[in-house]
Amino acid sequence: MEIRDAVPEHAHAACEVMRRSICELCSADHLNDPVILGRWLANKTPEIVVSWIVQPGNSVLVAVESGTILAVGFSNRRGRDHAELCHSRRKVLTDQSCNIGRP
């Protein structure tokens, strides 16, 4: 697995990873409520992801394996010391050979 800077060409696949992660792995947060889920997903579009990627001061990273984006992370330089978002495919969470998110 390789971690690298995202480029605009990654936006569609990165967006899909984020949306699936939210829908499939964050149900404890959105409780499958369509209103909450709709608000959460509203800004997860390829066009908005491109804007995050190209915005100076942002850092968007993708974890790629065999040409497939498995995870997406985003942070910025607005004085915060944490990731703004981090989403992954279910495979990353269940595959024991993956080390994303583990010390």
PDB file of N, CA and C in Angstrom:
ATOM      1  N   MET A   1       0.840  -1.164   0.000  1.00  0.00           N
ATOM      2  CA  MET A   1       0.000   0.000   0.000  1.00  0.00           C
ATOM      3  C   MET A   1       0.887   1.230   0.000  1.00  0.00           C
ATOM      4  N   GLU A   2       0.476   2.228  -0.763  1.00  0.00           N
ATOM      5  CA  GLU A   2       1.247   3.459  -0.879  1.00  0.00           C
ATOM      6  C   GLU A   2       0.357   4.639  -0.462  1.00  0.00           C
ATOM      7  N   ILE A   3       0.898   5.521   0.355  1.00  0.00           N
ATOM      8  CA  ILE A   3       0.217   6.749   0.739  1.00  0.00           C
ATOM      9  C   ILE A   3       0.819   7.860  -0.101  1.00  0.00           C
ATOM     10  N   ARG A   4      -0.046   8.627  -0.769  1.00  0.00           N
ATOM     11  CA  ARG A   4       0.467   9.706  -1.614  1.00  0.00           C
ATOM     12  C   ARG A   4      -0.503  10.886  -1.628  1.00  0.00           C
ATOM     13  N   ASP A   5       0.013  12.016  -2.102  1.00  0.00           N
ATOM     14  CA  ASP A   5      -0.828  13.193  -2.256  1.00  0.00           C
ATOM     15  C   ASP A   5      -1.888  12.917  -3.311  1.00  0.00           C
ATOM     16  N   ALA A   6      -3.105  13.343  -3.030  1.00  0.00           N
ATOM     17  CA  ALA A   6      -4.177  13.213  -4.014  1.00  0.00           C
ATOM     18  C   ALA A   6      -3.989  14.249  -5.114  1.00  0.00           C
ATOM     19  N   VAL A   7      -4.420  13.902  -6.298  1.00  0.00           N
ATOM     20  CA  VAL A   7      -4.445  14.813  -7.445  1.00  0.00           C
ATOM     21  C   VAL A   7      -5.898  14.863  -7.932  1.00  0.00           C
ATOM     22  N   PRO A   8      -6.254  15.890  -8.686  1.00  0.00           N
ATOM     23  CA  PRO A   8      -7.649  16.008  -9.119  1.00  0.00           C
ATOM     24  C   PRO A   8      -8.221  14.741  -9.770  1.00  0.00           C
ATOM     25  N   GLU A   9      -7.378  13.981 -10.458  1.00  0.00           N
ATOM     26  CA  GLU A   9      -7.849  12.742 -11.090  1.00  0.00           C
ATOM     27  C   GLU A   9      -8.318  11.706 -10.071  1.00  0.00           C
ATOM     28  N   HIS A  10      -7.952  11.852  -8.813  1.00  0.00           N
ATOM     29  CA  HIS A  10      -8.395  10.937  -7.760  1.00  0.00           C
ATOM     30  C   HIS A  10      -9.774  11.288  -7.206  1.00  0.00           C
ATOM     31  N   ALA A  11     -10.317  12.436  -7.566  1.00  0.00           N
ATOM     32  CA  ALA A  11     -11.513  12.962  -6.906  1.00  0.00           C
ATOM     33  C   ALA A  11     -12.714  12.015  -6.955  1.00  0.00           C
ATOM     34  N   HIS A  12     -13.008  11.435  -8.115  1.00  0.00           N
ATOM     35  CA  HIS A  12     -14.188  10.558  -8.201  1.00  0.00           C
ATOM     36  C   HIS A  12     -14.034   9.343  -7.286  1.00  0.00           C
ATOM     37  N   ALA A  13     -12.902   8.673  -7.355  1.00  0.00           N
ATOM     38  CA  ALA A  13     -12.696   7.484  -6.530  1.00  0.00           C
ATOM     39  C   ALA A  13     -12.612   7.845  -5.047  1.00  0.00           C
ATOM     40  N   ALA A  14     -11.948   8.949  -4.735  1.00  0.00           N
ATOM     41  CA  ALA A  14     -11.849   9.388  -3.338  1.00  0.00           C
ATOM     42  C   ALA A  14     -13.229   9.723  -2.788  1.00  0.00           C
ATOM     43  N   CYS A  15     -14.036  10.380  -3.586  1.00  0.00           N
ATOM     44  CA  CYS A  15     -15.398  10.723  -3.187  1.00  0.00           C
ATOM     45  C   CYS A  15     -16.200   9.451  -2.916  1.00  0.00           C
ATOM     46  N   GLU A  16     -16.067   8.469  -3.754  1.00  0.00           N
ATOM     47  CA  GLU A  16     -16.777   7.201  -3.568  1.00  0.00           C
ATOM     48  C   GLU A  16     -16.349   6.524  -2.266  1.00  0.00           C
ATOM     49  N   VAL A  17     -15.053   6.536  -1.971  1.00  0.00           N
ATOM     50  CA  VAL A  17     -14.569   5.953  -0.715  1.00  0.00           C
ATOM     51  C   VAL A  17     -15.192   6.682   0.472  1.00  0.00           C
ATOM     52  N   MET A  18     -15.187   8.006   0.431  1.00  0.00           N
ATOM     53  CA  MET A  18     -15.761   8.785   1.536  1.00  0.00           C
ATOM     54  C   MET A  18     -17.244   8.492   1.711  1.00  0.00           C
ATOM     55  N   ARG A  19     -17.993   8.522   0.623  1.00  0.00           N
ATOM     56  CA  ARG A  19     -19.437   8.312   0.711  1.00  0.00           C
ATOM     57  C   ARG A  19     -19.768   6.905   1.211  1.00  0.00           C
ATOM     58  N   ARG A  20     -19.071   5.904   0.698  1.00  0.00           N
ATOM     59  CA  ARG A  20     -19.319   4.526   1.161  1.00  0.00           C
ATOM     60  C   ARG A  20     -18.927   4.355   2.613  1.00  0.00           C
ATOM     61  N   SER A  21     -17.813   4.947   2.997  1.00  0.00           N
ATOM     62  CA  SER A  21     -17.378   4.856   4.390  1.00  0.00           C
ATOM     63  C   SER A  21     -18.428   5.455   5.323  1.00  0.00           C
ATOM     64  N   ILE A  22     -18.925   6.619   4.973  1.00  0.00           N
ATOM     65  CA  ILE A  22     -19.948   7.271   5.800  1.00  0.00           C
ATOM     66  C   ILE A  22     -21.205   6.404   5.864  1.00  0.00           C
ATOM     67  N   CYS A  23     -21.667   5.935   4.716  1.00  0.00           N
ATOM     68  CA  CYS A  23     -22.897   5.130   4.680  1.00  0.00           C
ATOM     69  C   CYS A  23     -22.741   3.795   5.393  1.00  0.00           C
ATOM     70  N   GLU A  24     -21.625   3.106   5.152  1.00  0.00           N
ATOM     71  CA  GLU A  24     -21.465   1.743   5.638  1.00  0.00           C
ATOM     72  C   GLU A  24     -20.819   1.635   7.016  1.00  0.00           C
ATOM     73  N   LEU A  25     -19.928   2.564   7.351  1.00  0.00           N
ATOM     74  CA  LEU A  25     -19.142   2.408   8.564  1.00  0.00           C
ATOM     75  C   LEU A  25     -19.484   3.413   9.664  1.00  0.00           C
ATOM     76  N   CYS A  26     -20.308   4.388   9.374  1.00  0.00           N
ATOM     77  CA  CYS A  26     -20.617   5.432  10.356  1.00  0.00           C
ATOM     78  C   CYS A  26     -22.083   5.418  10.774  1.00  0.00           C
ATOM     79  N   SER A  27     -22.741   4.287  10.640  1.00  0.00           N
ATOM     80  CA  SER A  27     -24.172   4.241  10.956  1.00  0.00           C
ATOM     81  C   SER A  27     -24.447   4.542  12.423  1.00  0.00           C
ATOM     82  N   ALA A  28     -23.508   4.288  13.297  1.00  0.00           N
ATOM     83  CA  ALA A  28     -23.703   4.629  14.720  1.00  0.00           C
ATOM     84  C   ALA A  28     -23.807   6.142  14.904  1.00  0.00           C
ATOM     85  N   ASP A  29     -23.227   6.899  13.979  1.00  0.00           N
ATOM     86  CA  ASP A  29     -23.283   8.356  14.051  1.00  0.00           C
ATOM     87  C   ASP A  29     -24.534   8.923  13.384  1.00  0.00           C
ATOM     88  N   HIS A  30     -24.893   8.401  12.194  1.00  0.00           N
ATOM     89  CA  HIS A  30     -26.042   8.956  11.474  1.00  0.00           C
ATOM     90  C   HIS A  30     -27.327   8.168  11.694  1.00  0.00           C
ATOM     91  N   LEU A  31     -27.220   7.006  12.350  1.00  0.00           N
ATOM     92  CA  LEU A  31     -28.382   6.179  12.696  1.00  0.00           C
ATOM     93  C   LEU A  31     -29.274   5.863  11.489  1.00  0.00           C
ATOM     94  N   ASN A  32     -28.668   5.860  10.312  1.00  0.00           N
ATOM     95  CA  ASN A  32     -29.389   5.616   9.060  1.00  0.00           C
ATOM     96  C   ASN A  32     -30.552   6.583   8.855  1.00  0.00           C
ATOM     97  N   ASP A  33     -30.458   7.729   9.482  1.00  0.00           N
ATOM     98  CA  ASP A  33     -31.465   8.776   9.314  1.00  0.00           C
ATOM     99  C   ASP A  33     -31.173   9.495   7.996  1.00  0.00           C
ATOM    100  N   PRO A  34     -32.098   9.448   7.024  1.00  0.00           N
ATOM    101  CA  PRO A  34     -31.819  10.038   5.717  1.00  0.00           C
ATOM    102  C   PRO A  34     -31.540  11.537   5.758  1.00  0.00           C
ATOM    103  N   VAL A  35     -32.111  12.249   6.707  1.00  0.00           N
ATOM    104  CA  VAL A  35     -31.869  13.689   6.805  1.00  0.00           C
ATOM    105  C   VAL A  35     -30.431  13.940   7.259  1.00  0.00           C
ATOM    106  N   ILE A  36     -30.004  13.250   8.317  1.00  0.00           N
ATOM    107  CA  ILE A  36     -28.631  13.405   8.818  1.00  0.00           C
ATOM    108  C   ILE A  36     -27.641  12.944   7.755  1.00  0.00           C
ATOM    109  N   LEU A  37     -27.910  11.796   7.161  1.00  0.00           N
ATOM    110  CA  LEU A  37     -27.018  11.250   6.135  1.00  0.00           C
ATOM    111  C   LEU A  37     -26.940  12.191   4.939  1.00  0.00           C
ATOM    112  N   GLY A  38     -28.055  12.736   4.528  1.00  0.00           N
ATOM    113  CA  GLY A  38     -28.073  13.666   3.403  1.00  0.00           C
ATOM    114  C   GLY A  38     -27.222  14.900   3.655  1.00  0.00           C
ATOM    115  N   ARG A  39     -27.315  15.438   4.887  1.00  0.00           N
ATOM    116  CA  ARG A  39     -26.487  16.605   5.220  1.00  0.00           C
ATOM    117  C   ARG A  39     -25.011  16.239   5.230  1.00  0.00           C
ATOM    118  N   TRP A  40     -24.694  15.062   5.763  1.00  0.00           N
ATOM    119  CA  TRP A  40     -23.309  14.622   5.851  1.00  0.00           C
ATOM    120  C   TRP A  40     -22.709  14.395   4.466  1.00  0.00           C
ATOM    121  N   LEU A  41     -23.507  13.877   3.549  1.00  0.00           N
ATOM    122  CA  LEU A  41     -23.013  13.561   2.211  1.00  0.00           C
ATOM    123  C   LEU A  41     -23.080  14.732   1.240  1.00  0.00           C
ATOM    124  N   ALA A  42     -23.772  15.789   1.612  1.00  0.00           N
ATOM    125  CA  ALA A  42     -24.030  16.901   0.681  1.00  0.00           C
ATOM    126  C   ALA A  42     -22.765  17.483   0.069  1.00  0.00           C
ATOM    127  N   ASN A  43     -21.698  17.581   0.843  1.00  0.00           N
ATOM    128  CA  ASN A  43     -20.473  18.168   0.293  1.00  0.00           C
ATOM    129  C   ASN A  43     -19.461  17.110  -0.141  1.00  0.00           C
ATOM    130  N   LYS A  44     -19.872  15.881  -0.242  1.00  0.00           N
ATOM    131  CA  LYS A  44     -18.983  14.810  -0.692  1.00  0.00           C
ATOM    132  C   LYS A  44     -19.274  14.523  -2.159  1.00  0.00           C
ATOM    133  N   THR A  45     -18.906  15.490  -3.004  1.00  0.00           N
ATOM    134  CA  THR A  45     -19.062  15.349  -4.455  1.00  0.00           C
ATOM    135  C   THR A  45     -17.679  15.434  -5.087  1.00  0.00           C
ATOM    136  N   PRO A  46     -17.502  14.861  -6.266  1.00  0.00           N
ATOM    137  CA  PRO A  46     -16.193  14.951  -6.919  1.00  0.00           C
ATOM    138  C   PRO A  46     -15.735  16.395  -7.115  1.00  0.00           C
ATOM    139  N   GLU A  47     -16.656  17.291  -7.429  1.00  0.00           N
ATOM    140  CA  GLU A  47     -16.282  18.689  -7.656  1.00  0.00           C
ATOM    141  C   GLU A  47     -15.743  19.328  -6.374  1.00  0.00           C
ATOM    142  N   ILE A  48     -16.381  19.043  -5.261  1.00  0.00           N
ATOM    143  CA  ILE A  48     -15.909  19.609  -3.991  1.00  0.00           C
ATOM    144  C   ILE A  48     -14.598  18.961  -3.570  1.00  0.00           C
ATOM    145  N   VAL A  49     -14.462  17.659  -3.803  1.00  0.00           N
ATOM    146  CA  VAL A  49     -13.202  16.988  -3.468  1.00  0.00           C
ATOM    147  C   VAL A  49     -12.057  17.584  -4.281  1.00  0.00           C
ATOM    148  N   VAL A  50     -12.284  17.868  -5.561  1.00  0.00           N
ATOM    149  CA  VAL A  50     -11.255  18.539  -6.366  1.00  0.00           C
ATOM    150  C   VAL A  50     -10.883  19.873  -5.731  1.00  0.00           C
ATOM    151  N   SER A  51     -11.875  20.628  -5.275  1.00  0.00           N
ATOM    152  CA  SER A  51     -11.573  21.929  -4.668  1.00  0.00           C
ATOM    153  C   SER A  51     -10.728  21.773  -3.417  1.00  0.00           C
ATOM    154  N   TRP A  52     -10.947  20.716  -2.644  1.00  0.00           N
ATOM    155  CA  TRP A  52     -10.101  20.458  -1.463  1.00  0.00           C
ATOM    156  C   TRP A  52      -8.676  20.124  -1.890  1.00  0.00           C
ATOM    157  N   ILE A  53      -8.555  19.312  -2.943  1.00  0.00           N
ATOM    158  CA  ILE A  53      -7.235  18.871  -3.413  1.00  0.00           C
ATOM    159  C   ILE A  53      -6.396  20.049  -3.891  1.00  0.00           C
ATOM    160  N   VAL A  54      -6.989  20.971  -4.624  1.00  0.00           N
ATOM    161  CA  VAL A  54      -6.218  22.064  -5.236  1.00  0.00           C
ATOM    162  C   VAL A  54      -6.087  23.294  -4.335  1.00  0.00           C
ATOM    163  N   GLN A  55      -6.800  23.337  -3.235  1.00  0.00           N
ATOM    164  CA  GLN A  55      -6.752  24.502  -2.340  1.00  0.00           C
ATOM    165  C   GLN A  55      -5.385  24.587  -1.653  1.00  0.00           C
ATOM    166  N   PRO A  56      -4.657  25.701  -1.829  1.00  0.00           N
ATOM    167  CA  PRO A  56      -3.378  25.861  -1.129  1.00  0.00           C
ATOM    168  C   PRO A  56      -3.574  25.752   0.383  1.00  0.00           C
ATOM    169  N   GLY A  57      -2.671  25.050   1.018  1.00  0.00           N
ATOM    170  CA  GLY A  57      -2.745  24.867   2.464  1.00  0.00           C
ATOM    171  C   GLY A  57      -3.462  23.598   2.880  1.00  0.00           C
ATOM    172  N   ASN A  58      -4.166  22.960   1.951  1.00  0.00           N
ATOM    173  CA  ASN A  58      -4.827  21.692   2.257  1.00  0.00           C
ATOM    174  C   ASN A  58      -3.882  20.539   1.960  1.00  0.00           C
ATOM    175  N   SER A  59      -4.068  19.472   2.679  1.00  0.00           N
ATOM    176  CA  SER A  59      -3.342  18.238   2.416  1.00  0.00           C
ATOM    177  C   SER A  59      -4.369  17.121   2.304  1.00  0.00           C
ATOM    178  N   VAL A  60      -4.519  16.590   1.101  1.00  0.00           N
ATOM    179  CA  VAL A  60      -5.413  15.461   0.873  1.00  0.00           C
ATOM    180  C   VAL A  60      -4.530  14.287   0.471  1.00  0.00           C
ATOM    181  N   LEU A  61      -4.615  13.221   1.234  1.00  0.00           N
ATOM    182  CA  LEU A  61      -3.813  12.029   0.981  1.00  0.00           C
ATOM    183  C   LEU A  61      -4.718  10.867   0.625  1.00  0.00           C
ATOM    184  N   VAL A  62      -4.213   9.975  -0.209  1.00  0.00           N
ATOM    185  CA  VAL A  62      -4.929   8.749  -0.541  1.00  0.00           C
ATOM    186  C   VAL A  62      -4.015   7.561  -0.272  1.00  0.00           C
ATOM    187  N   ALA A  63      -4.614   6.480   0.189  1.00  0.00           N
ATOM    188  CA  ALA A  63      -3.914   5.209   0.337  1.00  0.00           C
ATOM    189  C   ALA A  63      -4.330   4.361  -0.862  1.00  0.00           C
ATOM    190  N   VAL A  64      -3.343   3.918  -1.638  1.00  0.00           N
ATOM    191  CA  VAL A  64      -3.612   3.223  -2.893  1.00  0.00           C
ATOM    192  C   VAL A  64      -2.948   1.857  -2.859  1.00  0.00           C
ATOM    193  N   GLU A  65      -3.691   0.860  -3.304  1.00  0.00           N
ATOM    194  CA  GLU A  65      -3.145  -0.487  -3.427  1.00  0.00           C
ATOM    195  C   GLU A  65      -3.647  -1.080  -4.734  1.00  0.00           C
ATOM    196  N   SER A  66      -2.746  -1.548  -5.555  1.00  0.00           N
ATOM    197  CA  SER A  66      -3.086  -2.130  -6.856  1.00  0.00           C
ATOM    198  C   SER A  66      -3.986  -1.211  -7.673  1.00  0.00           C
ATOM    199  N   GLY A  67      -3.694   0.100  -7.612  1.00  0.00           N
ATOM    200  CA  GLY A  67      -4.433   1.072  -8.394  1.00  0.00           C
ATOM    201  C   GLY A  67      -5.784   1.466  -7.827  1.00  0.00           C
ATOM    202  N   THR A  68      -6.142   0.944  -6.662  1.00  0.00           N
ATOM    203  CA  THR A  68      -7.438   1.239  -6.042  1.00  0.00           C
ATOM    204  C   THR A  68      -7.243   2.104  -4.803  1.00  0.00           C
ATOM    205  N   ILE A  69      -8.010   3.178  -4.706  1.00  0.00           N
ATOM    206  CA  ILE A  69      -7.955   4.022  -3.514  1.00  0.00           C
ATOM    207  C   ILE A  69      -8.710   3.326  -2.396  1.00  0.00           C
ATOM    208  N   LEU A  70      -8.001   3.080  -1.291  1.00  0.00           N
ATOM    209  CA  LEU A  70      -8.592   2.398  -0.142  1.00  0.00           C
ATOM    210  C   LEU A  70      -8.976   3.351   0.978  1.00  0.00           C
ATOM    211  N   ALA A  71      -8.305   4.502   1.045  1.00  0.00           N
ATOM    212  CA  ALA A  71      -8.585   5.444   2.123  1.00  0.00           C
ATOM    213  C   ALA A  71      -8.250   6.858   1.666  1.00  0.00           C
ATOM    214  N   VAL A  72      -8.895   7.829   2.324  1.00  0.00           N
ATOM    215  CA  VAL A  72      -8.708   9.243   2.018  1.00  0.00           C
ATOM    216  C   VAL A  72      -8.592   9.990   3.334  1.00  0.00           C
ATOM    217  N   GLY A  73      -7.620  10.883   3.413  1.00  0.00           N
ATOM    218  CA  GLY A  73      -7.477  11.738   4.589  1.00  0.00           C
ATOM    219  C   GLY A  73      -7.311  13.173   4.157  1.00  0.00           C
ATOM    220  N   PHE A  74      -7.743  14.101   5.014  1.00  0.00           N
ATOM    221  CA  PHE A  74      -7.711  15.515   4.670  1.00  0.00           C
ATOM    222  C   PHE A  74      -7.396  16.329   5.917  1.00  0.00           C
ATOM    223  N   SER A  75      -6.487  17.272   5.764  1.00  0.00           N
ATOM    224  CA  SER A  75      -6.239  18.246   6.828  1.00  0.00           C
ATOM    225  C   SER A  75      -5.870  19.567   6.166  1.00  0.00           C
ATOM    226  N   ASN A  76      -5.880  20.622   6.972  1.00  0.00           N
ATOM    227  CA  ASN A  76      -5.515  21.932   6.433  1.00  0.00           C
ATOM    228  C   ASN A  76      -4.658  22.668   7.451  1.00  0.00           C
ATOM    229  N   ARG A  77      -4.197  23.832   7.072  1.00  0.00           N
ATOM    230  CA  ARG A  77      -3.293  24.605   7.930  1.00  0.00           C
ATOM    231  C   ARG A  77      -4.010  25.748   8.622  1.00  0.00           C
ATOM    232  N   ARG A  78      -5.203  25.547   9.055  1.00  0.00           N
ATOM    233  CA  ARG A  78      -5.964  26.602   9.710  1.00  0.00           C
ATOM    234  C   ARG A  78      -5.751  26.600  11.217  1.00  0.00           C
ATOM    235  N   GLY A  79      -4.581  26.212  11.651  1.00  0.00           N
ATOM    236  CA  GLY A  79      -4.271  26.222  13.068  1.00  0.00           C
ATOM    237  C   GLY A  79      -4.772  25.008  13.818  1.00  0.00           C
ATOM    238  N   ARG A  80      -5.257  24.022  13.103  1.00  0.00           N
ATOM    239  CA  ARG A  80      -5.736  22.799  13.757  1.00  0.00           C
ATOM    240  C   ARG A  80      -4.652  21.743  13.687  1.00  0.00           C
ATOM    241  N   ASP A  81      -4.638  20.876  14.668  1.00  0.00           N
ATOM    242  CA  ASP A  81      -3.594  19.853  14.701  1.00  0.00           C
ATOM    243  C   ASP A  81      -4.186  18.455  14.539  1.00  0.00           C
ATOM    244  N   HIS A  82      -5.253  18.354  13.773  1.00  0.00           N
ATOM    245  CA  HIS A  82      -5.889  17.058  13.569  1.00  0.00           C
ATOM    246  C   HIS A  82      -6.424  16.953  12.143  1.00  0.00           C
ATOM    247  N   ALA A  83      -6.758  15.745  11.775  1.00  0.00           N
ATOM    248  CA  ALA A  83      -7.346  15.522  10.453  1.00  0.00           C
ATOM    249  C   ALA A  83      -8.781  16.025  10.438  1.00  0.00           C
ATOM    250  N   GLU A  84      -9.150  16.659   9.350  1.00  0.00           N
ATOM    251  CA  GLU A  84     -10.531  17.105   9.183  1.00  0.00           C
ATOM    252  C   GLU A  84     -11.434  15.925   8.842  1.00  0.00           C
ATOM    253  N   LEU A  85     -10.891  14.981   8.098  1.00  0.00           N
ATOM    254  CA  LEU A  85     -11.646  13.769   7.795  1.00  0.00           C
ATOM    255  C   LEU A  85     -10.681  12.655   7.460  1.00  0.00           C
ATOM    256  N   CYS A  86     -11.136  11.451   7.681  1.00  0.00           N
ATOM    257  CA  CYS A  86     -10.370  10.254   7.340  1.00  0.00           C
ATOM    258  C   CYS A  86     -11.384   9.142   7.112  1.00  0.00           C
ATOM    259  N   HIS A  87     -11.472   8.649   5.897  1.00  0.00           N
ATOM    260  CA  HIS A  87     -12.441   7.607   5.559  1.00  0.00           C
ATOM    261  C   HIS A  87     -11.731   6.493   4.809  1.00  0.00           C
ATOM    262  N   SER A  88     -12.225   5.276   5.001  1.00  0.00           N
ATOM    263  CA  SER A  88     -11.610   4.138   4.324  1.00  0.00           C
ATOM    264  C   SER A  88     -12.674   3.155   3.856  1.00  0.00           C
ATOM    265  N   ARG A  89     -12.249   2.294   2.962  1.00  0.00           N
ATOM    266  CA  ARG A  89     -13.092   1.175   2.553  1.00  0.00           C
ATOM    267  C   ARG A  89     -13.102   0.158   3.680  1.00  0.00           C
ATOM    268  N   ARG A  90     -14.131  -0.624   3.750  1.00  0.00           N
ATOM    269  CA  ARG A  90     -14.249  -1.665   4.782  1.00  0.00           C
ATOM    270  C   ARG A  90     -13.033  -2.594   4.760  1.00  0.00           C
ATOM    271  N   LYS A  91     -12.458  -2.877   3.588  1.00  0.00           N
ATOM    272  CA  LYS A  91     -11.307  -3.774   3.463  1.00  0.00           C
ATOM    273  C   LYS A  91     -10.157  -3.337   4.359  1.00  0.00           C
ATOM    274  N   VAL A  92      -9.926  -2.053   4.445  1.00  0.00           N
ATOM    275  CA  VAL A  92      -8.809  -1.548   5.249  1.00  0.00           C
ATOM    276  C   VAL A  92      -9.018  -1.876   6.713  1.00  0.00           C
ATOM    277  N   LEU A  93     -10.261  -1.869   7.144  1.00  0.00           N
ATOM    278  CA  LEU A  93     -10.552  -2.145   8.550  1.00  0.00           C
ATOM    279  C   LEU A  93     -10.524  -3.629   8.879  1.00  0.00           C
ATOM    280  N   THR A  94     -10.731  -4.482   7.884  1.00  0.00           N
ATOM    281  CA  THR A  94     -10.819  -5.910   8.156  1.00  0.00           C
ATOM    282  C   THR A  94      -9.600  -6.704   7.707  1.00  0.00           C
ATOM    283  N   ASP A  95      -8.779  -6.147   6.843  1.00  0.00           N
ATOM    284  CA  ASP A  95      -7.599  -6.835   6.330  1.00  0.00           C
ATOM    285  C   ASP A  95      -6.451  -6.675   7.323  1.00  0.00           C
ATOM    286  N   GLN A  96      -6.017  -7.747   7.918  1.00  0.00           N
ATOM    287  CA  GLN A  96      -4.970  -7.695   8.928  1.00  0.00           C
ATOM    288  C   GLN A  96      -3.631  -7.251   8.391  1.00  0.00           C
ATOM    289  N   SER A  97      -3.446  -7.272   7.059  1.00  0.00           N
ATOM    290  CA  SER A  97      -2.167  -6.844   6.496  1.00  0.00           C
ATOM    291  C   SER A  97      -2.094  -5.336   6.346  1.00  0.00           C
ATOM    292  N   CYS A  98      -3.216  -4.624   6.524  1.00  0.00           N
ATOM    293  CA  CYS A  98      -3.232  -3.163   6.404  1.00  0.00           C
ATOM    294  C   CYS A  98      -2.892  -2.533   7.738  1.00  0.00           C
ATOM    295  N   ASN A  99      -2.172  -1.441   7.709  1.00  0.00           N
ATOM    296  CA  ASN A  99      -1.772  -0.777   8.942  1.00  0.00           C
ATOM    297  C   ASN A  99      -2.263   0.649   9.053  1.00  0.00           C
ATOM    298  N   ILE A 100      -3.201   1.059   8.226  1.00  0.00           N
ATOM    299  CA  ILE A 100      -3.722   2.415   8.302  1.00  0.00           C
ATOM    300  C   ILE A 100      -4.486   2.579   9.605  1.00  0.00           C
ATOM    301  N   GLY A 101      -4.194   3.642  10.299  1.00  0.00           N
ATOM    302  CA  GLY A 101      -4.909   3.930  11.530  1.00  0.00           C
ATOM    303  C   GLY A 101      -4.424   3.148  12.729  1.00  0.00           C
ATOM    304  N   ARG A 102      -3.391   2.371  12.547  1.00  0.00           N
ATOM    305  CA  ARG A 102      -2.841   1.601  13.663  1.00  0.00           C
ATOM    306  C   ARG A 102      -1.481   2.128  14.027  1.00  0.00           C
ATOM    307  N   PRO A 103      -1.184   2.171  15.332  1.00  0.00           N
ATOM    308  CA  PRO A 103       0.153   2.648  15.746  1.00  0.00           C
ATOM    309  C   PRO A 103       1.258   1.718  15.283  1.00  0.00           C
TER     310      PRO A 103
END
